Amino acid sequence: MGKMAQAPNPAFRLLDDADDQGGARVRRVGGLTFWAETLAFRTVAAREFRDVTDQVAGVVRRSGVSQGWVGVFSKHTTAAVVLNENEPLLLQDMGAMLERLSAAAGIYQHNDLSRRVGEMEPDECANGHAHCQHLLLSSSQEIPIADGRMDLGRWQRIFLLELDRSRDRQLVVQVFGA
């Protein structure tokens, strides 16, 4: 028996063209809003903690959601999303800890580009350490929204954590709520 074609779900509709929402992807269902934006960054170096809290807060503001959740997702296997305090000495300590756990100068099978299988970028580099460090971290974080603002703790900030080298990076920020 053949597959039946599925009609689009009439409960979902695109609010406006993407250009009308400043590049955001928006859906409204009942009283709920699903809002997504992709933020682009150029990182500087390995173990750079880029504070993206204000940019994520801007997405939450633009969404108009007053109660709900915001998710922040890194589209990369060598760049993580973490929550922590933005204190320079602590950030140095955390970067040093990652280096101790998975040193850039270590020996990684992944770094032997002559033996690698699968697709590689033209500028592929030895970055086994960055993948191993990412294994200890997370690709995403979820933060509650209350009264139209992220309900972060007093010292909490959202970081894009570069683990590899200077790169173009993207974070998908999705807001869900009413």
N, C-alpha and C. Protein backbone atom coordinates (compact mmCIF):
# COMPACT_ATOMS: atom_id res chain seq x y z
N MET A 1 0.84 -1.17 0.00
CA MET A 1 0.00 0.00 0.00
C MET A 1 0.88 1.24 0.00
N GLY A 2 0.59 2.24 -0.82
CA GLY A 2 1.40 3.46 -0.94
C GLY A 2 1.17 4.41 0.21
N LYS A 3 2.11 5.31 0.38
CA LYS A 3 1.98 6.33 1.42
C LYS A 3 0.99 7.39 0.98
N MET A 4 0.19 7.85 1.92
CA MET A 4 -0.74 8.95 1.63
C MET A 4 -0.02 10.26 1.88
N ALA A 5 -0.24 11.21 1.02
CA ALA A 5 0.37 12.53 1.19
C ALA A 5 -0.24 13.20 2.41
N GLN A 6 0.60 13.81 3.22
CA GLN A 6 0.15 14.50 4.41
C GLN A 6 -0.11 15.96 4.07
N ALA A 7 -1.28 16.44 4.41
CA ALA A 7 -1.60 17.85 4.22
C ALA A 7 -0.91 18.65 5.31
N PRO A 8 -0.51 19.90 5.04
CA PRO A 8 0.10 20.72 6.08
C PRO A 8 -0.85 20.85 7.27
N ASN A 9 -0.30 20.91 8.45
CA ASN A 9 -1.09 21.06 9.66
C ASN A 9 -1.69 22.46 9.68
N PRO A 10 -3.03 22.56 9.60
CA PRO A 10 -3.65 23.90 9.57
C PRO A 10 -3.49 24.67 10.88
N ALA A 11 -3.10 23.99 11.96
CA ALA A 11 -2.91 24.69 13.23
C ALA A 11 -1.64 25.55 13.19
N PHE A 12 -0.72 25.23 12.28
CA PHE A 12 0.51 25.99 12.15
C PHE A 12 0.39 26.90 10.94
N ARG A 13 0.78 28.13 11.09
CA ARG A 13 0.84 29.03 9.94
C ARG A 13 1.98 30.00 10.14
N LEU A 14 2.62 30.35 9.05
CA LEU A 14 3.69 31.32 9.11
C LEU A 14 3.05 32.68 9.30
N LEU A 15 3.52 33.41 10.32
CA LEU A 15 2.93 34.71 10.61
C LEU A 15 3.13 35.68 9.47
N ASP A 16 4.36 35.88 9.09
CA ASP A 16 4.71 36.84 8.05
C ASP A 16 5.90 36.29 7.29
N ASP A 17 6.24 36.93 6.19
CA ASP A 17 7.47 36.57 5.50
C ASP A 17 8.64 36.81 6.43
N ALA A 18 9.71 36.05 6.24
CA ALA A 18 10.89 36.18 7.11
C ALA A 18 11.40 37.61 7.15
N ASP A 19 11.36 38.32 6.02
CA ASP A 19 11.84 39.70 6.00
C ASP A 19 11.03 40.60 6.92
N ASP A 20 9.75 40.30 7.07
CA ASP A 20 8.90 41.13 7.92
C ASP A 20 9.19 40.94 9.40
N GLN A 21 9.90 39.88 9.77
CA GLN A 21 10.23 39.60 11.16
C GLN A 21 11.73 39.73 11.40
N GLY A 22 12.43 40.43 10.55
CA GLY A 22 13.86 40.63 10.75
C GLY A 22 14.66 39.34 10.66
N GLY A 23 14.24 38.40 9.84
CA GLY A 23 14.96 37.14 9.68
C GLY A 23 14.52 36.06 10.64
N ALA A 24 13.58 36.36 11.52
CA ALA A 24 13.11 35.35 12.48
C ALA A 24 12.15 34.38 11.79
N ARG A 25 12.15 33.15 12.28
CA ARG A 25 11.18 32.16 11.85
C ARG A 25 10.14 32.10 12.96
N VAL A 26 8.88 32.42 12.61
CA VAL A 26 7.85 32.60 13.62
C VAL A 26 6.62 31.75 13.29
N ARG A 27 6.08 31.11 14.31
CA ARG A 27 4.80 30.41 14.21
C ARG A 27 4.00 30.74 15.47
N ARG A 28 2.70 30.89 15.27
CA ARG A 28 1.81 31.08 16.42
C ARG A 28 0.74 30.00 16.34
N VAL A 29 0.54 29.31 17.45
CA VAL A 29 -0.46 28.25 17.53
C VAL A 29 -1.27 28.51 18.78
N GLY A 30 -2.55 28.75 18.60
CA GLY A 30 -3.37 29.10 19.76
C GLY A 30 -2.77 30.33 20.40
N GLY A 31 -2.48 30.26 21.68
CA GLY A 31 -1.86 31.39 22.38
C GLY A 31 -0.35 31.27 22.52
N LEU A 32 0.25 30.29 21.83
CA LEU A 32 1.69 30.06 21.96
C LEU A 32 2.47 30.62 20.78
N THR A 33 3.65 31.11 21.06
CA THR A 33 4.55 31.61 20.04
C THR A 33 5.77 30.71 19.97
N PHE A 34 6.18 30.37 18.76
CA PHE A 34 7.43 29.66 18.49
C PHE A 34 8.27 30.62 17.64
N TRP A 35 9.34 31.12 18.18
CA TRP A 35 10.15 32.15 17.52
C TRP A 35 11.59 31.65 17.47
N ALA A 36 12.21 31.71 16.31
CA ALA A 36 13.61 31.26 16.19
C ALA A 36 14.41 32.25 15.36
N GLU A 37 15.61 32.51 15.82
CA GLU A 37 16.57 33.33 15.08
C GLU A 37 17.93 32.64 15.14
N THR A 38 18.71 32.81 14.09
CA THR A 38 20.08 32.32 14.07
C THR A 38 21.01 33.51 14.19
N LEU A 39 21.86 33.48 15.21
CA LEU A 39 22.81 34.56 15.46
C LEU A 39 24.18 34.12 14.95
N ALA A 40 24.90 35.02 14.31
CA ALA A 40 26.22 34.71 13.74
C ALA A 40 27.30 35.45 14.53
N PHE A 41 28.41 34.75 14.74
CA PHE A 41 29.55 35.31 15.47
C PHE A 41 30.84 34.89 14.79
N ARG A 42 31.87 35.69 14.94
CA ARG A 42 33.23 35.32 14.53
C ARG A 42 34.04 35.24 15.82
N THR A 43 34.49 34.05 16.16
CA THR A 43 35.28 33.89 17.38
C THR A 43 36.73 34.25 17.09
N VAL A 44 37.51 34.43 18.16
CA VAL A 44 38.88 34.90 18.03
C VAL A 44 39.90 33.78 18.22
N ALA A 45 39.66 32.91 19.22
CA ALA A 45 40.69 31.91 19.56
C ALA A 45 40.07 30.77 20.36
N ALA A 46 40.85 29.71 20.53
CA ALA A 46 40.42 28.58 21.35
C ALA A 46 40.18 29.01 22.79
N ARG A 47 39.19 28.41 23.40
CA ARG A 47 38.78 28.65 24.78
C ARG A 47 38.37 30.11 25.01
N GLU A 48 37.82 30.71 23.97
CA GLU A 48 37.23 32.05 24.10
C GLU A 48 35.81 31.89 24.64
N PHE A 49 35.53 32.56 25.75
CA PHE A 49 34.19 32.59 26.31
C PHE A 49 33.52 33.87 25.80
N ARG A 50 32.66 33.75 24.81
CA ARG A 50 31.98 34.92 24.24
C ARG A 50 30.64 35.08 24.93
N ASP A 51 30.46 36.15 25.68
CA ASP A 51 29.20 36.40 26.39
C ASP A 51 28.15 36.83 25.38
N VAL A 52 27.12 35.99 25.22
CA VAL A 52 26.06 36.26 24.24
C VAL A 52 24.72 36.55 24.92
N THR A 53 24.76 36.80 26.22
CA THR A 53 23.54 37.00 27.00
C THR A 53 22.69 38.13 26.43
N ASP A 54 23.30 39.25 26.11
CA ASP A 54 22.53 40.40 25.62
C ASP A 54 21.90 40.12 24.26
N GLN A 55 22.61 39.41 23.39
CA GLN A 55 22.05 39.07 22.09
C GLN A 55 20.86 38.12 22.24
N VAL A 56 20.97 37.14 23.15
CA VAL A 56 19.86 36.21 23.38
C VAL A 56 18.68 36.97 24.00
N ALA A 57 18.95 37.88 24.92
CA ALA A 57 17.89 38.69 25.53
C ALA A 57 17.17 39.51 24.46
N GLY A 58 17.90 39.98 23.45
CA GLY A 58 17.27 40.71 22.35
C GLY A 58 16.30 39.84 21.57
N VAL A 59 16.64 38.58 21.35
CA VAL A 59 15.73 37.66 20.66
C VAL A 59 14.48 37.46 21.51
N VAL A 60 14.65 37.27 22.81
CA VAL A 60 13.49 37.10 23.70
C VAL A 60 12.59 38.33 23.62
N ARG A 61 13.17 39.53 23.66
CA ARG A 61 12.38 40.77 23.57
C ARG A 61 11.61 40.82 22.26
N ARG A 62 12.30 40.54 21.15
CA ARG A 62 11.63 40.60 19.84
C ARG A 62 10.50 39.59 19.71
N SER A 63 10.61 38.47 20.43
CA SER A 63 9.58 37.43 20.34
C SER A 63 8.27 37.86 20.97
N GLY A 64 8.35 38.73 21.97
CA GLY A 64 7.14 39.14 22.68
C GLY A 64 6.64 38.11 23.68
N VAL A 65 7.38 37.04 23.90
CA VAL A 65 6.97 36.00 24.85
C VAL A 65 7.20 36.51 26.27
N SER A 66 6.17 36.38 27.13
CA SER A 66 6.32 36.82 28.51
C SER A 66 6.56 35.67 29.48
N GLN A 67 6.07 34.48 29.17
CA GLN A 67 6.27 33.29 30.00
C GLN A 67 6.62 32.14 29.09
N GLY A 68 7.73 31.46 29.36
CA GLY A 68 8.10 30.33 28.52
C GLY A 68 9.54 29.93 28.72
N TRP A 69 10.17 29.53 27.61
CA TRP A 69 11.55 29.05 27.62
C TRP A 69 12.29 29.57 26.41
N VAL A 70 13.59 29.77 26.57
CA VAL A 70 14.45 30.06 25.43
C VAL A 70 15.55 29.01 25.42
N GLY A 71 15.77 28.45 24.24
CA GLY A 71 16.85 27.49 24.05
C GLY A 71 17.92 28.11 23.18
N VAL A 72 19.17 27.88 23.53
CA VAL A 72 20.31 28.40 22.77
C VAL A 72 21.14 27.19 22.34
N PHE A 73 21.30 27.00 21.03
CA PHE A 73 21.92 25.80 20.47
C PHE A 73 23.07 26.16 19.54
N SER A 74 24.24 25.57 19.78
CA SER A 74 25.39 25.73 18.90
C SER A 74 25.30 24.71 17.77
N LYS A 75 25.49 25.17 16.54
CA LYS A 75 25.44 24.29 15.38
C LYS A 75 26.80 23.66 15.07
N HIS A 76 27.65 23.54 16.09
CA HIS A 76 29.03 23.12 15.86
C HIS A 76 29.47 22.08 16.88
N THR A 77 30.37 21.19 16.47
CA THR A 77 30.88 20.15 17.36
C THR A 77 32.14 20.58 18.09
N THR A 78 32.61 21.78 17.84
CA THR A 78 33.78 22.31 18.57
C THR A 78 33.49 23.69 19.15
N ALA A 79 32.22 23.98 19.39
CA ALA A 79 31.81 25.21 20.07
C ALA A 79 30.60 24.87 20.93
N ALA A 80 30.67 25.17 22.21
CA ALA A 80 29.64 24.79 23.17
C ALA A 80 28.87 26.02 23.64
N VAL A 81 27.74 25.75 24.30
CA VAL A 81 26.96 26.79 24.96
C VAL A 81 26.96 26.45 26.45
N VAL A 82 27.42 27.39 27.26
CA VAL A 82 27.51 27.15 28.71
C VAL A 82 26.94 28.34 29.47
N LEU A 83 26.49 28.06 30.69
CA LEU A 83 26.06 29.10 31.63
C LEU A 83 27.08 29.17 32.74
N ASN A 84 27.53 30.38 33.04
CA ASN A 84 28.45 30.55 34.16
C ASN A 84 28.61 32.03 34.44
N GLU A 85 29.49 32.33 35.37
CA GLU A 85 29.76 33.71 35.77
C GLU A 85 30.77 34.34 34.83
N ASN A 86 30.57 35.61 34.49
CA ASN A 86 31.51 36.33 33.63
C ASN A 86 32.52 37.08 34.48
N GLU A 87 33.44 36.32 35.06
CA GLU A 87 34.51 36.89 35.86
C GLU A 87 35.81 36.46 35.20
N PRO A 88 36.63 37.39 34.75
CA PRO A 88 37.80 37.05 33.92
C PRO A 88 38.72 35.98 34.49
N LEU A 89 39.01 36.00 35.79
CA LEU A 89 39.90 34.99 36.36
C LEU A 89 39.25 33.61 36.36
N LEU A 90 37.95 33.56 36.62
CA LEU A 90 37.23 32.29 36.57
C LEU A 90 37.22 31.74 35.15
N LEU A 91 37.01 32.60 34.16
CA LEU A 91 37.02 32.14 32.76
C LEU A 91 38.40 31.58 32.40
N GLN A 92 39.47 32.21 32.88
CA GLN A 92 40.82 31.68 32.66
C GLN A 92 40.97 30.31 33.32
N ASP A 93 40.47 30.17 34.55
CA ASP A 93 40.54 28.90 35.26
C ASP A 93 39.79 27.80 34.50
N MET A 94 38.61 28.12 34.00
CA MET A 94 37.83 27.11 33.28
C MET A 94 38.51 26.73 31.96
N GLY A 95 39.07 27.70 31.26
CA GLY A 95 39.81 27.40 30.03
C GLY A 95 41.02 26.52 30.32
N ALA A 96 41.73 26.82 31.41
CA ALA A 96 42.90 26.02 31.80
C ALA A 96 42.49 24.60 32.18
N MET A 97 41.35 24.45 32.84
CA MET A 97 40.86 23.13 33.20
C MET A 97 40.58 22.30 31.94
N LEU A 98 39.94 22.91 30.95
CA LEU A 98 39.66 22.20 29.69
C LEU A 98 40.97 21.78 29.02
N GLU A 99 41.96 22.64 29.05
CA GLU A 99 43.26 22.31 28.45
C GLU A 99 43.92 21.15 29.20
N ARG A 100 43.81 21.13 30.53
CA ARG A 100 44.38 20.01 31.30
C ARG A 100 43.68 18.70 30.98
N LEU A 101 42.38 18.75 30.80
CA LEU A 101 41.61 17.53 30.55
C LEU A 101 41.81 16.99 29.14
N SER A 102 42.01 17.88 28.19
CA SER A 102 42.18 17.47 26.79
C SER A 102 43.09 18.49 26.10
N ALA A 103 44.38 18.31 26.26
CA ALA A 103 45.37 19.29 25.81
C ALA A 103 45.46 19.36 24.29
N ALA A 104 45.59 20.56 23.78
CA ALA A 104 45.74 20.77 22.33
C ALA A 104 46.97 20.05 21.80
N ALA A 105 48.02 19.93 22.62
CA ALA A 105 49.25 19.27 22.19
C ALA A 105 49.20 17.75 22.33
N GLY A 106 48.07 17.22 22.79
CA GLY A 106 47.94 15.78 22.97
C GLY A 106 47.90 15.03 21.64
N ILE A 107 47.91 13.72 21.74
CA ILE A 107 47.86 12.86 20.54
C ILE A 107 46.42 12.39 20.35
N TYR A 108 45.87 12.69 19.17
CA TYR A 108 44.49 12.34 18.83
C TYR A 108 44.47 11.69 17.45
N GLN A 109 43.83 10.55 17.35
CA GLN A 109 43.71 9.86 16.07
C GLN A 109 43.05 10.77 15.03
N HIS A 110 42.09 11.54 15.47
CA HIS A 110 41.34 12.47 14.59
C HIS A 110 42.28 13.46 13.90
N ASN A 111 43.41 13.76 14.51
CA ASN A 111 44.34 14.74 13.96
C ASN A 111 45.18 14.20 12.81
N ASP A 112 45.19 12.90 12.60
CA ASP A 112 45.94 12.31 11.49
C ASP A 112 45.07 12.41 10.24
N LEU A 113 45.18 13.55 9.56
CA LEU A 113 44.30 13.82 8.42
C LEU A 113 44.50 12.83 7.28
N SER A 114 45.67 12.19 7.20
CA SER A 114 45.92 11.22 6.14
C SER A 114 45.10 9.94 6.34
N ARG A 115 44.65 9.69 7.56
CA ARG A 115 43.88 8.48 7.85
C ARG A 115 42.40 8.74 8.01
N ARG A 116 42.00 9.99 8.05
CA ARG A 116 40.60 10.33 8.29
C ARG A 116 39.72 9.88 7.15
N VAL A 117 38.51 9.47 7.49
CA VAL A 117 37.52 9.09 6.49
C VAL A 117 36.37 10.09 6.58
N GLY A 118 35.64 10.21 5.50
CA GLY A 118 34.51 11.13 5.48
C GLY A 118 34.90 12.48 4.91
N GLU A 119 33.93 13.32 4.85
CA GLU A 119 34.10 14.65 4.25
C GLU A 119 34.92 15.55 5.16
N MET A 120 35.82 16.32 4.56
CA MET A 120 36.62 17.29 5.31
C MET A 120 36.57 18.63 4.60
N GLU A 121 36.71 19.68 5.39
CA GLU A 121 36.76 21.03 4.85
C GLU A 121 38.14 21.26 4.23
N PRO A 122 38.24 22.16 3.24
CA PRO A 122 39.55 22.45 2.64
C PRO A 122 40.57 22.98 3.65
N ASP A 123 40.10 23.69 4.68
CA ASP A 123 41.02 24.24 5.69
C ASP A 123 41.01 23.40 6.97
N GLU A 124 40.73 22.11 6.83
CA GLU A 124 40.66 21.21 7.99
C GLU A 124 41.95 21.29 8.80
N CYS A 125 41.81 21.27 10.12
CA CYS A 125 42.97 21.36 10.99
C CYS A 125 42.93 20.26 12.03
N ALA A 126 44.02 20.11 12.75
CA ALA A 126 44.10 19.13 13.84
C ALA A 126 43.35 19.69 15.04
N ASN A 127 42.16 19.17 15.31
CA ASN A 127 41.34 19.71 16.40
C ASN A 127 40.67 18.62 17.24
N GLY A 128 41.33 17.47 17.35
CA GLY A 128 40.79 16.39 18.17
C GLY A 128 40.54 16.83 19.60
N HIS A 129 41.42 17.67 20.13
CA HIS A 129 41.26 18.17 21.49
C HIS A 129 39.94 18.94 21.66
N ALA A 130 39.58 19.74 20.65
CA ALA A 130 38.36 20.55 20.73
C ALA A 130 37.12 19.65 20.75
N HIS A 131 37.12 18.59 19.95
CA HIS A 131 36.00 17.65 19.96
C HIS A 131 35.90 16.95 21.31
N CYS A 132 37.04 16.54 21.86
CA CYS A 132 37.05 15.86 23.16
C CYS A 132 36.59 16.80 24.28
N GLN A 133 37.00 18.05 24.23
CA GLN A 133 36.54 19.03 25.23
C GLN A 133 35.03 19.22 25.12
N HIS A 134 34.52 19.28 23.89
CA HIS A 134 33.08 19.47 23.70
C HIS A 134 32.28 18.32 24.28
N LEU A 135 32.85 17.12 24.25
CA LEU A 135 32.18 15.96 24.81
C LEU A 135 31.82 16.18 26.28
N LEU A 136 32.60 16.99 26.98
CA LEU A 136 32.38 17.27 28.40
C LEU A 136 31.37 18.40 28.63
N LEU A 137 30.99 19.08 27.57
CA LEU A 137 30.14 20.28 27.68
C LEU A 137 28.79 20.02 27.02
N SER A 138 28.14 21.05 26.59
CA SER A 138 26.81 20.90 25.98
C SER A 138 26.70 21.76 24.72
N SER A 139 25.89 21.28 23.81
CA SER A 139 25.59 22.06 22.60
C SER A 139 24.49 23.08 22.84
N SER A 140 23.75 22.93 23.96
CA SER A 140 22.62 23.84 24.17
C SER A 140 22.35 24.07 25.65
N GLN A 141 21.61 25.13 25.90
CA GLN A 141 21.13 25.46 27.24
C GLN A 141 19.70 25.97 27.11
N GLU A 142 18.89 25.70 28.13
CA GLU A 142 17.51 26.18 28.16
C GLU A 142 17.36 27.08 29.38
N ILE A 143 16.73 28.24 29.16
CA ILE A 143 16.58 29.23 30.23
C ILE A 143 15.11 29.60 30.32
N PRO A 144 14.54 29.61 31.53
CA PRO A 144 13.14 30.02 31.66
C PRO A 144 12.97 31.52 31.39
N ILE A 145 11.78 31.86 30.90
CA ILE A 145 11.41 33.26 30.68
C ILE A 145 10.27 33.58 31.63
N ALA A 146 10.39 34.67 32.37
CA ALA A 146 9.34 35.14 33.28
C ALA A 146 9.21 36.64 33.10
N ASP A 147 7.99 37.09 32.95
CA ASP A 147 7.72 38.52 32.77
C ASP A 147 8.50 39.11 31.61
N GLY A 148 8.67 38.34 30.53
CA GLY A 148 9.31 38.83 29.32
C GLY A 148 10.82 38.88 29.37
N ARG A 149 11.43 38.34 30.44
CA ARG A 149 12.89 38.38 30.57
C ARG A 149 13.42 37.00 30.95
N MET A 150 14.65 36.73 30.57
CA MET A 150 15.27 35.48 30.99
C MET A 150 15.42 35.48 32.51
N ASP A 151 15.07 34.36 33.12
CA ASP A 151 15.11 34.24 34.57
C ASP A 151 16.42 33.58 34.99
N LEU A 152 17.52 34.26 34.69
CA LEU A 152 18.85 33.78 35.05
C LEU A 152 19.17 34.12 36.50
N GLY A 153 20.07 33.35 37.09
CA GLY A 153 20.55 33.67 38.43
C GLY A 153 21.39 34.94 38.41
N ARG A 154 21.65 35.47 39.57
CA ARG A 154 22.35 36.76 39.70
C ARG A 154 23.64 36.83 38.89
N TRP A 155 24.44 35.76 38.91
CA TRP A 155 25.74 35.79 38.26
C TRP A 155 25.76 35.05 36.93
N GLN A 156 24.66 34.44 36.56
CA GLN A 156 24.66 33.62 35.34
C GLN A 156 24.66 34.45 34.07
N ARG A 157 25.52 34.03 33.15
CA ARG A 157 25.58 34.61 31.81
C ARG A 157 25.61 33.45 30.83
N ILE A 158 25.23 33.70 29.60
CA ILE A 158 25.24 32.69 28.55
C ILE A 158 26.49 32.92 27.70
N PHE A 159 27.25 31.84 27.49
CA PHE A 159 28.49 31.94 26.72
C PHE A 159 28.46 31.00 25.52
N LEU A 160 28.95 31.50 24.40
CA LEU A 160 29.38 30.66 23.30
C LEU A 160 30.85 30.38 23.61
N LEU A 161 31.20 29.12 23.78
CA LEU A 161 32.56 28.75 24.15
C LEU A 161 33.25 28.12 22.95
N GLU A 162 34.19 28.86 22.38
CA GLU A 162 34.98 28.37 21.25
C GLU A 162 36.04 27.41 21.78
N LEU A 163 36.12 26.23 21.19
CA LEU A 163 37.08 25.23 21.63
C LEU A 163 38.18 24.97 20.61
N ASP A 164 38.03 25.49 19.42
CA ASP A 164 38.94 25.16 18.32
C ASP A 164 39.89 26.31 18.01
N ARG A 165 39.45 27.26 17.20
CA ARG A 165 40.27 28.37 16.72
C ARG A 165 39.31 29.44 16.23
N SER A 166 39.82 30.53 15.73
CA SER A 166 38.97 31.58 15.19
C SER A 166 38.10 30.99 14.08
N ARG A 167 36.79 31.11 14.24
CA ARG A 167 35.85 30.51 13.29
C ARG A 167 34.59 31.35 13.20
N ASP A 168 33.86 31.17 12.09
CA ASP A 168 32.50 31.71 11.99
C ASP A 168 31.59 30.71 12.68
N ARG A 169 30.74 31.19 13.58
CA ARG A 169 29.88 30.32 14.37
C ARG A 169 28.43 30.80 14.31
N GLN A 170 27.52 29.86 14.51
CA GLN A 170 26.09 30.18 14.54
C GLN A 170 25.44 29.58 15.78
N LEU A 171 24.58 30.37 16.38
CA LEU A 171 23.74 29.90 17.47
C LEU A 171 22.29 30.03 17.03
N VAL A 172 21.53 28.96 17.21
CA VAL A 172 20.09 29.02 16.97
C VAL A 172 19.44 29.33 18.32
N VAL A 173 18.64 30.38 18.35
CA VAL A 173 17.94 30.78 19.57
C VAL A 173 16.45 30.58 19.31
N GLN A 174 15.84 29.69 20.09
CA GLN A 174 14.42 29.39 19.93
C GLN A 174 13.68 29.79 21.20
N VAL A 175 12.60 30.55 21.00
CA VAL A 175 11.77 31.00 22.12
C VAL A 175 10.40 30.35 21.98
N PHE A 176 9.90 29.81 23.09
CA PHE A 176 8.61 29.13 23.10
C PHE A 176 7.84 29.62 24.31
N GLY A 177 6.61 30.03 24.10
CA GLY A 177 5.80 30.43 25.24
C GLY A 177 4.65 31.32 24.82
N ALA A 178 4.08 31.97 25.83
CA ALA A 178 2.90 32.83 25.62
C ALA A 178 3.20 34.25 26.06
